[in-house]
Amino acid sequence: MLGDLTETWSFGQAAGTLAAIFVIYQISQVIYRLFFSPIANFPGPKLAAATLWYEFYYDVIKQGRYEWKIKELHEQYGASLYSLSKFCYSNSNK
């Protein structure tokens, strides 16, 4: 049975199928995070809520400026905002 499967699928077809599954999974994760997650209504930039690329950009490309960006976002959106880095940031000093 496994021999039949390997004979009918080429490597390109299998790689394409896996890539399509990965893209569909990523899109479903973004939709869930933006619309159906319990914290979907938290204030903050939607890109930060949808992916980790927002934090990656400020930490890696901007060389560790995410901490300052969080402070700026607190001023813009209020005391609580959400990021996908597994923390809900809260600025309780205000």
Protein backbone atom coordinates (compact mmCIF):
# COMPACT_ATOMS: atom_id res chain seq x y z
CA MET A 1 0.00 0.00 0.00
CA LEU A 2 2.77 2.47 0.86
CA GLY A 3 4.54 1.53 -2.35
CA ASP A 4 1.48 2.63 -4.32
CA LEU A 5 1.49 6.01 -2.60
CA THR A 6 5.14 6.69 -3.34
CA GLU A 7 4.67 5.69 -6.96
CA THR A 8 1.74 8.03 -7.56
CA TRP A 9 3.13 11.15 -5.80
CA SER A 10 6.27 12.85 -6.97
CA PHE A 11 8.48 14.76 -4.59
CA GLY A 12 7.25 18.05 -6.07
CA GLN A 13 3.62 17.14 -5.50
CA ALA A 14 4.29 16.12 -1.91
CA ALA A 15 6.30 19.30 -1.23
CA GLY A 16 3.59 21.43 -2.83
CA THR A 17 0.89 19.76 -0.77
CA LEU A 18 2.83 20.26 2.46
CA ALA A 19 3.49 23.91 1.57
CA ALA A 20 -0.22 24.46 0.88
CA ILE A 21 -1.17 22.85 4.20
CA PHE A 22 1.34 25.05 6.01
CA VAL A 23 0.00 28.24 4.37
CA ILE A 24 -3.61 27.29 5.14
CA TYR A 25 -2.63 26.59 8.76
CA GLN A 26 -0.88 29.95 9.09
CA ILE A 27 -3.84 31.83 7.60
CA SER A 28 -6.23 30.02 9.95
CA GLN A 29 -4.04 30.98 12.91
CA VAL A 30 -4.12 34.65 11.92
CA ILE A 31 -7.92 34.58 11.49
CA TYR A 32 -8.33 32.90 14.88
CA ARG A 33 -6.02 35.35 16.64
CA LEU A 34 -7.69 38.42 15.12
CA PHE A 35 -11.36 37.42 15.40
CA PHE A 36 -12.03 34.41 17.65
CA SER A 37 -9.34 34.45 20.35
CA PRO A 38 -10.46 35.44 23.85
CA ILE A 39 -8.08 38.38 23.64
CA ALA A 40 -9.07 39.47 20.13
CA ASN A 41 -10.64 42.66 21.46
CA PHE A 42 -7.54 43.88 23.27
CA PRO A 43 -6.28 47.21 21.93
CA GLY A 44 -3.09 47.32 19.93
CA PRO A 45 -1.74 46.88 16.45
CA LYS A 46 -3.37 44.00 14.59
CA LEU A 47 -0.05 42.88 13.09
CA ALA A 48 1.31 42.37 16.60
CA ALA A 49 -1.79 40.38 17.52
CA ALA A 50 -1.62 38.23 14.39
CA THR A 51 2.04 37.25 14.16
CA LEU A 52 5.37 37.29 15.95
CA TRP A 53 6.92 39.23 13.06
CA TYR A 54 6.09 42.54 14.75
CA GLU A 55 8.20 41.71 17.79
CA PHE A 56 10.89 40.13 15.60
CA TYR A 57 11.18 43.35 13.59
CA TYR A 58 11.77 45.53 16.64
CA ASP A 59 14.00 43.05 18.46
CA VAL A 60 16.17 41.90 15.55
CA ILE A 61 15.96 44.46 12.75
CA LYS A 62 15.69 47.49 15.05
CA GLN A 63 18.21 45.89 17.44
CA GLY A 64 16.21 45.48 20.64
CA ARG A 65 13.80 48.41 20.37
CA TYR A 66 10.69 46.38 21.18
CA GLU A 67 10.73 47.50 24.81
CA TRP A 68 10.57 51.13 23.71
CA LYS A 69 7.88 50.32 21.16
CA ILE A 70 5.78 48.74 23.91
CA LYS A 71 6.04 51.96 25.94
CA GLU A 72 5.00 53.96 22.89
CA LEU A 73 2.05 51.65 22.28
CA HIS A 74 0.95 52.05 25.91
CA GLU A 75 0.80 55.80 25.35
CA GLN A 76 -1.18 55.32 22.14
CA TYR A 77 -3.61 52.53 23.15
CA GLY A 78 -3.85 52.85 26.92
CA ALA A 79 -2.76 50.76 29.87
CA SER A 80 -3.28 47.25 28.45
CA LEU A 81 -2.28 45.85 25.09
CA TYR A 82 -1.54 42.40 23.79
CA SER A 83 1.40 40.88 21.97
CA LEU A 84 1.86 37.27 20.90
CA SER A 85 4.97 36.87 23.00
CA LYS A 86 2.74 35.11 25.56
CA PHE A 87 2.31 38.20 27.70
CA CYS A 88 -0.34 40.80 28.11
CA TYR A 89 1.57 43.99 28.74
CA SER A 90 0.11 46.33 31.28
CA ASN A 91 1.32 49.75 32.22
CA SER A 92 -0.20 50.17 35.65
CA ASN A 93 1.74 53.35 36.39
CA LYS A 94 -0.89 55.42 34.60
